[in-house]
Amino acid sequence: MKPDQLEYFRNLLAQRIDQLLNEAGKTVSEMTDESTNLPDITDRASLESDRNFELRIRDRERKLIRKLREAIVRIDEGTFGICEICEGKISEKRLMARPVTTLCIECKKKQEVLEKQRGE
């Protein structure tokens, strides 16, 4: 991959990390600032449900941040855009859609077929 393409992806990944961390910060701020005293148990249950949902989203984003950072490491190591199974190039179109991917589309399809056969 060309240096300017790698720099583009590095910036894209870094921006996404910053965006996710900013959202996480907002969530923490909202949850700690909120001093709601809801006497109605239905309202409290609804608030608790909303908080749990928000925390599940943030947990998924935490895992995504880890993958984004790993992709930046792959850029630094020179392995970004190379399939970890067949060692072929991952198409730029695929990387644009999912910059954290480590598999080319063919290897990913094979992996999904195997997972489906095993019932995963």
N, C-alpha and C. Protein backbone atom coordinates (compact mmCIF):
# COMPACT_ATOMS: atom_id res chain seq x y z
N MET A 1 0.85 -1.17 0.00
CA MET A 1 0.00 0.00 0.00
C MET A 1 0.89 1.24 0.00
N LYS A 2 0.46 2.25 -0.70
CA LYS A 2 1.23 3.49 -0.82
C LYS A 2 1.24 4.26 0.51
N PRO A 3 2.31 5.01 0.76
CA PRO A 3 2.42 5.77 2.02
C PRO A 3 1.25 6.74 2.24
N ASP A 4 0.78 7.38 1.17
CA ASP A 4 -0.32 8.33 1.35
C ASP A 4 -1.63 7.60 1.71
N GLN A 5 -1.81 6.39 1.20
CA GLN A 5 -2.98 5.59 1.56
C GLN A 5 -2.89 5.17 3.03
N LEU A 6 -1.70 4.76 3.45
CA LEU A 6 -1.52 4.35 4.84
C LEU A 6 -1.78 5.53 5.78
N GLU A 7 -1.31 6.70 5.39
CA GLU A 7 -1.52 7.88 6.22
C GLU A 7 -3.02 8.23 6.29
N TYR A 8 -3.70 8.05 5.18
CA TYR A 8 -5.15 8.28 5.17
C TYR A 8 -5.84 7.36 6.17
N PHE A 9 -5.49 6.07 6.13
CA PHE A 9 -6.12 5.11 7.04
C PHE A 9 -5.71 5.38 8.49
N ARG A 10 -4.46 5.77 8.72
CA ARG A 10 -4.02 6.10 10.08
C ARG A 10 -4.87 7.25 10.64
N ASN A 11 -5.07 8.28 9.82
CA ASN A 11 -5.89 9.41 10.25
C ASN A 11 -7.34 9.01 10.47
N LEU A 12 -7.88 8.20 9.58
CA LEU A 12 -9.24 7.71 9.71
C LEU A 12 -9.43 6.94 11.02
N LEU A 13 -8.49 6.05 11.30
CA LEU A 13 -8.56 5.25 12.53
C LEU A 13 -8.42 6.13 13.76
N ALA A 14 -7.48 7.06 13.73
CA ALA A 14 -7.28 7.95 14.88
C ALA A 14 -8.50 8.83 15.13
N GLN A 15 -9.11 9.32 14.07
CA GLN A 15 -10.33 10.14 14.22
C GLN A 15 -11.45 9.33 14.84
N ARG A 16 -11.58 8.09 14.41
CA ARG A 16 -12.64 7.22 14.94
C ARG A 16 -12.41 6.93 16.43
N ILE A 17 -11.14 6.71 16.81
CA ILE A 17 -10.82 6.49 18.22
C ILE A 17 -11.19 7.72 19.03
N ASP A 18 -10.79 8.90 18.56
CA ASP A 18 -11.10 10.15 19.26
C ASP A 18 -12.61 10.34 19.41
N GLN A 19 -13.35 10.04 18.35
CA GLN A 19 -14.80 10.17 18.37
C GLN A 19 -15.42 9.24 19.42
N LEU A 20 -14.97 8.00 19.44
CA LEU A 20 -15.51 7.03 20.41
C LEU A 20 -15.15 7.41 21.84
N LEU A 21 -13.93 7.87 22.07
CA LEU A 21 -13.53 8.28 23.41
C LEU A 21 -14.31 9.50 23.87
N ASN A 22 -14.60 10.40 22.95
CA ASN A 22 -15.39 11.58 23.27
C ASN A 22 -16.81 11.17 23.69
N GLU A 23 -17.40 10.24 22.95
CA GLU A 23 -18.73 9.74 23.30
C GLU A 23 -18.72 9.05 24.66
N ALA A 24 -17.69 8.28 24.93
CA ALA A 24 -17.59 7.60 26.22
C ALA A 24 -17.49 8.63 27.35
N GLY A 25 -16.72 9.68 27.12
CA GLY A 25 -16.60 10.74 28.12
C GLY A 25 -17.93 11.41 28.40
N LYS A 26 -18.70 11.63 27.35
CA LYS A 26 -20.03 12.24 27.53
C LYS A 26 -20.93 11.32 28.35
N THR A 27 -20.85 10.03 28.08
CA THR A 27 -21.68 9.07 28.81
C THR A 27 -21.32 9.08 30.28
N VAL A 28 -20.05 9.04 30.58
CA VAL A 28 -19.61 9.06 31.98
C VAL A 28 -20.07 10.34 32.66
N SER A 29 -19.90 11.46 31.97
CA SER A 29 -20.31 12.74 32.52
C SER A 29 -21.81 12.78 32.79
N GLU A 30 -22.60 12.29 31.85
CA GLU A 30 -24.06 12.30 32.02
C GLU A 30 -24.49 11.40 33.16
N MET A 31 -23.85 10.25 33.28
CA MET A 31 -24.26 9.30 34.32
C MET A 31 -23.83 9.75 35.70
N THR A 32 -22.72 10.46 35.80
CA THR A 32 -22.27 10.91 37.12
C THR A 32 -22.96 12.21 37.54
N ASP A 33 -23.33 13.05 36.57
CA ASP A 33 -23.99 14.32 36.88
C ASP A 33 -25.47 14.14 37.19
N GLU A 34 -26.03 13.08 36.70
CA GLU A 34 -27.46 12.87 36.83
C GLU A 34 -27.82 12.47 38.25
N SER A 35 -28.54 13.34 38.91
CA SER A 35 -29.01 13.04 40.27
C SER A 35 -30.53 13.01 40.24
N THR A 36 -31.04 12.00 39.60
CA THR A 36 -32.48 11.89 39.42
C THR A 36 -33.08 11.05 40.54
N ASN A 37 -34.09 11.58 41.16
CA ASN A 37 -34.82 10.86 42.18
C ASN A 37 -36.21 10.59 41.63
N LEU A 38 -36.40 9.40 41.12
CA LEU A 38 -37.68 9.07 40.50
C LEU A 38 -38.49 8.20 41.48
N PRO A 39 -39.59 8.76 41.99
CA PRO A 39 -40.39 7.99 42.94
C PRO A 39 -41.18 6.86 42.27
N ASP A 40 -41.47 7.00 41.00
CA ASP A 40 -42.23 5.97 40.29
C ASP A 40 -41.31 4.83 39.88
N ILE A 41 -41.66 3.61 40.28
CA ILE A 41 -40.79 2.46 39.99
C ILE A 41 -40.69 2.18 38.49
N THR A 42 -41.73 2.49 37.75
CA THR A 42 -41.68 2.30 36.30
C THR A 42 -40.67 3.24 35.67
N ASP A 43 -40.65 4.48 36.11
CA ASP A 43 -39.67 5.45 35.60
C ASP A 43 -38.24 5.03 35.96
N ARG A 44 -38.07 4.56 37.20
CA ARG A 44 -36.74 4.10 37.61
C ARG A 44 -36.29 2.91 36.79
N ALA A 45 -37.20 1.98 36.54
CA ALA A 45 -36.87 0.80 35.74
C ALA A 45 -36.52 1.19 34.31
N SER A 46 -37.24 2.14 33.77
CA SER A 46 -36.97 2.62 32.42
C SER A 46 -35.60 3.29 32.35
N LEU A 47 -35.29 4.11 33.35
CA LEU A 47 -33.99 4.77 33.40
C LEU A 47 -32.87 3.74 33.52
N GLU A 48 -33.07 2.75 34.36
CA GLU A 48 -32.06 1.70 34.54
C GLU A 48 -31.87 0.91 33.25
N SER A 49 -32.94 0.63 32.57
CA SER A 49 -32.86 -0.08 31.29
C SER A 49 -32.08 0.73 30.26
N ASP A 50 -32.37 2.03 30.21
CA ASP A 50 -31.65 2.92 29.29
C ASP A 50 -30.16 2.97 29.62
N ARG A 51 -29.84 3.03 30.89
CA ARG A 51 -28.43 3.05 31.30
C ARG A 51 -27.72 1.75 30.93
N ASN A 52 -28.38 0.64 31.16
CA ASN A 52 -27.77 -0.65 30.80
C ASN A 52 -27.53 -0.74 29.31
N PHE A 53 -28.48 -0.28 28.52
CA PHE A 53 -28.33 -0.27 27.07
C PHE A 53 -27.14 0.59 26.66
N GLU A 54 -27.06 1.77 27.24
CA GLU A 54 -25.95 2.69 26.94
C GLU A 54 -24.60 2.06 27.31
N LEU A 55 -24.55 1.39 28.44
CA LEU A 55 -23.30 0.75 28.87
C LEU A 55 -22.92 -0.41 27.96
N ARG A 56 -23.90 -1.13 27.46
CA ARG A 56 -23.60 -2.22 26.50
C ARG A 56 -23.03 -1.65 25.21
N ILE A 57 -23.58 -0.53 24.76
CA ILE A 57 -23.05 0.13 23.56
C ILE A 57 -21.61 0.57 23.81
N ARG A 58 -21.35 1.17 24.95
CA ARG A 58 -19.99 1.65 25.26
C ARG A 58 -19.02 0.48 25.37
N ASP A 59 -19.48 -0.67 25.87
CA ASP A 59 -18.61 -1.84 25.95
C ASP A 59 -18.24 -2.32 24.55
N ARG A 60 -19.18 -2.32 23.65
CA ARG A 60 -18.90 -2.70 22.26
C ARG A 60 -17.91 -1.71 21.64
N GLU A 61 -18.10 -0.43 21.94
CA GLU A 61 -17.20 0.59 21.41
C GLU A 61 -15.80 0.44 22.00
N ARG A 62 -15.71 0.02 23.26
CA ARG A 62 -14.40 -0.22 23.88
C ARG A 62 -13.65 -1.30 23.11
N LYS A 63 -14.37 -2.35 22.75
CA LYS A 63 -13.75 -3.42 21.97
C LYS A 63 -13.35 -2.93 20.58
N LEU A 64 -14.16 -2.05 20.00
CA LEU A 64 -13.83 -1.48 18.69
C LEU A 64 -12.59 -0.60 18.79
N ILE A 65 -12.46 0.16 19.87
CA ILE A 65 -11.26 1.00 20.05
C ILE A 65 -10.01 0.12 20.07
N ARG A 66 -10.09 -1.02 20.74
CA ARG A 66 -8.95 -1.94 20.77
C ARG A 66 -8.60 -2.40 19.35
N LYS A 67 -9.61 -2.73 18.56
CA LYS A 67 -9.37 -3.15 17.18
C LYS A 67 -8.79 -2.02 16.33
N LEU A 68 -9.27 -0.80 16.56
CA LEU A 68 -8.75 0.35 15.82
C LEU A 68 -7.28 0.58 16.16
N ARG A 69 -6.94 0.46 17.43
CA ARG A 69 -5.53 0.62 17.84
C ARG A 69 -4.66 -0.49 17.25
N GLU A 70 -5.18 -1.70 17.20
CA GLU A 70 -4.44 -2.81 16.60
C GLU A 70 -4.21 -2.56 15.12
N ALA A 71 -5.18 -1.95 14.44
CA ALA A 71 -5.02 -1.62 13.02
C ALA A 71 -3.91 -0.58 12.83
N ILE A 72 -3.82 0.38 13.74
CA ILE A 72 -2.74 1.38 13.65
C ILE A 72 -1.39 0.70 13.85
N VAL A 73 -1.31 -0.26 14.76
CA VAL A 73 -0.08 -1.03 14.96
C VAL A 73 0.28 -1.77 13.67
N ARG A 74 -0.72 -2.34 13.00
CA ARG A 74 -0.46 -3.04 11.74
C ARG A 74 0.07 -2.08 10.68
N ILE A 75 -0.42 -0.85 10.68
CA ILE A 75 0.13 0.15 9.76
C ILE A 75 1.60 0.37 10.07
N ASP A 76 1.92 0.53 11.36
CA ASP A 76 3.31 0.75 11.77
C ASP A 76 4.21 -0.43 11.42
N GLU A 77 3.66 -1.64 11.51
CA GLU A 77 4.46 -2.84 11.24
C GLU A 77 4.52 -3.19 9.75
N GLY A 78 3.69 -2.52 8.95
CA GLY A 78 3.68 -2.80 7.52
C GLY A 78 2.81 -3.96 7.12
N THR A 79 1.90 -4.40 8.00
CA THR A 79 1.04 -5.53 7.68
C THR A 79 -0.42 -5.12 7.46
N PHE A 80 -0.69 -3.83 7.52
CA PHE A 80 -2.06 -3.35 7.30
C PHE A 80 -2.45 -3.60 5.85
N GLY A 81 -3.65 -4.14 5.65
CA GLY A 81 -4.13 -4.40 4.30
C GLY A 81 -3.67 -5.73 3.73
N ILE A 82 -3.06 -6.56 4.59
CA ILE A 82 -2.62 -7.89 4.18
C ILE A 82 -3.43 -8.91 4.97
N CYS A 83 -4.03 -9.85 4.26
CA CYS A 83 -4.86 -10.88 4.89
C CYS A 83 -3.99 -11.76 5.77
N GLU A 84 -4.43 -12.01 6.99
CA GLU A 84 -3.63 -12.82 7.90
C GLU A 84 -3.74 -14.32 7.61
N ILE A 85 -4.63 -14.73 6.73
CA ILE A 85 -4.74 -16.15 6.38
C ILE A 85 -3.97 -16.45 5.09
N CYS A 86 -4.36 -15.78 3.99
CA CYS A 86 -3.74 -16.09 2.70
C CYS A 86 -2.58 -15.16 2.36
N GLU A 87 -2.40 -14.11 3.16
CA GLU A 87 -1.35 -13.10 2.97
C GLU A 87 -1.49 -12.33 1.67
N GLY A 88 -2.69 -12.35 1.09
CA GLY A 88 -2.98 -11.54 -0.09
C GLY A 88 -3.41 -10.15 0.32
N LYS A 89 -3.55 -9.28 -0.66
CA LYS A 89 -3.98 -7.91 -0.37
C LYS A 89 -5.47 -7.88 -0.06
N ILE A 90 -5.81 -7.06 0.91
CA ILE A 90 -7.21 -6.78 1.21
C ILE A 90 -7.57 -5.57 0.36
N SER A 91 -8.67 -5.65 -0.36
CA SER A 91 -9.04 -4.55 -1.26
C SER A 91 -9.25 -3.25 -0.50
N GLU A 92 -8.92 -2.17 -1.18
CA GLU A 92 -9.10 -0.86 -0.57
C GLU A 92 -10.58 -0.60 -0.29
N LYS A 93 -11.44 -1.11 -1.15
CA LYS A 93 -12.89 -0.96 -0.95
C LYS A 93 -13.31 -1.62 0.37
N ARG A 94 -12.77 -2.80 0.64
CA ARG A 94 -13.09 -3.51 1.90
C ARG A 94 -12.53 -2.74 3.09
N LEU A 95 -11.32 -2.23 2.96
CA LEU A 95 -10.71 -1.48 4.05
C LEU A 95 -11.47 -0.18 4.33
N MET A 96 -12.03 0.41 3.28
CA MET A 96 -12.83 1.62 3.49
C MET A 96 -14.10 1.28 4.28
N ALA A 97 -14.69 0.14 3.97
CA ALA A 97 -15.92 -0.26 4.66
C ALA A 97 -15.64 -0.72 6.08
N ARG A 98 -14.51 -1.40 6.27
CA ARG A 98 -14.16 -1.95 7.60
C ARG A 98 -12.65 -1.88 7.77
N PRO A 99 -12.15 -0.74 8.20
CA PRO A 99 -10.69 -0.56 8.30
C PRO A 99 -9.99 -1.43 9.34
N VAL A 100 -10.75 -2.07 10.22
CA VAL A 100 -10.13 -2.94 11.23
C VAL A 100 -10.00 -4.38 10.76
N THR A 101 -10.47 -4.66 9.56
CA THR A 101 -10.47 -6.04 9.08
C THR A 101 -9.05 -6.59 8.93
N THR A 102 -8.93 -7.88 9.16
CA THR A 102 -7.64 -8.56 9.00
C THR A 102 -7.72 -9.66 7.95
N LEU A 103 -8.90 -9.81 7.33
CA LEU A 103 -9.10 -10.86 6.34
C LEU A 103 -9.61 -10.27 5.03
N CYS A 104 -9.14 -10.85 3.92
CA CYS A 104 -9.68 -10.47 2.62
C CYS A 104 -11.10 -11.03 2.53
N ILE A 105 -11.84 -10.59 1.56
CA ILE A 105 -13.25 -10.98 1.46
C ILE A 105 -13.40 -12.49 1.25
N GLU A 106 -12.52 -13.10 0.47
CA GLU A 106 -12.63 -14.54 0.22
C GLU A 106 -12.37 -15.35 1.50
N CYS A 107 -11.34 -14.99 2.23
CA CYS A 107 -11.05 -15.71 3.49
C CYS A 107 -12.15 -15.48 4.52
N LYS A 108 -12.73 -14.29 4.54
CA LYS A 108 -13.83 -14.00 5.46
C LYS A 108 -15.05 -14.84 5.11
N LYS A 109 -15.34 -14.97 3.81
CA LYS A 109 -16.47 -15.80 3.39
C LYS A 109 -16.26 -17.25 3.83
N LYS A 110 -15.05 -17.76 3.64
CA LYS A 110 -14.74 -19.14 4.05
C LYS A 110 -14.90 -19.30 5.55
N GLN A 111 -14.43 -18.31 6.31
CA GLN A 111 -14.54 -18.35 7.76
C GLN A 111 -16.01 -18.37 8.19
N GLU A 112 -16.83 -17.56 7.55
CA GLU A 112 -18.25 -17.51 7.90
C GLU A 112 -18.96 -18.81 7.57
N VAL A 113 -18.58 -19.45 6.45
CA VAL A 113 -19.17 -20.74 6.10
C VAL A 113 -18.82 -21.78 7.16
N LEU A 114 -17.55 -21.80 7.58
CA LEU A 114 -17.13 -22.75 8.62
C LEU A 114 -17.86 -22.49 9.94
N GLU A 115 -18.01 -21.23 10.30
CA GLU A 115 -18.73 -20.89 11.53
C GLU A 115 -20.18 -21.34 11.46
N LYS A 116 -20.79 -21.17 10.29
CA LYS A 116 -22.19 -21.57 10.11
C LYS A 116 -22.32 -23.09 10.22
N GLN A 117 -21.35 -23.81 9.65
CA GLN A 117 -21.37 -25.28 9.72
C GLN A 117 -21.22 -25.77 11.16
N ARG A 118 -20.42 -25.05 11.95
CA ARG A 118 -20.22 -25.45 13.35
C ARG A 118 -21.36 -24.96 14.24
N GLY A 119 -22.23 -24.14 13.68
CA GLY A 119 -23.37 -23.64 14.45
C GLY A 119 -23.03 -22.45 15.33
N GLU A 120 -22.02 -21.70 14.98
CA GLU A 120 -21.61 -20.53 15.79
C GLU A 120 -22.39 -19.31 15.41
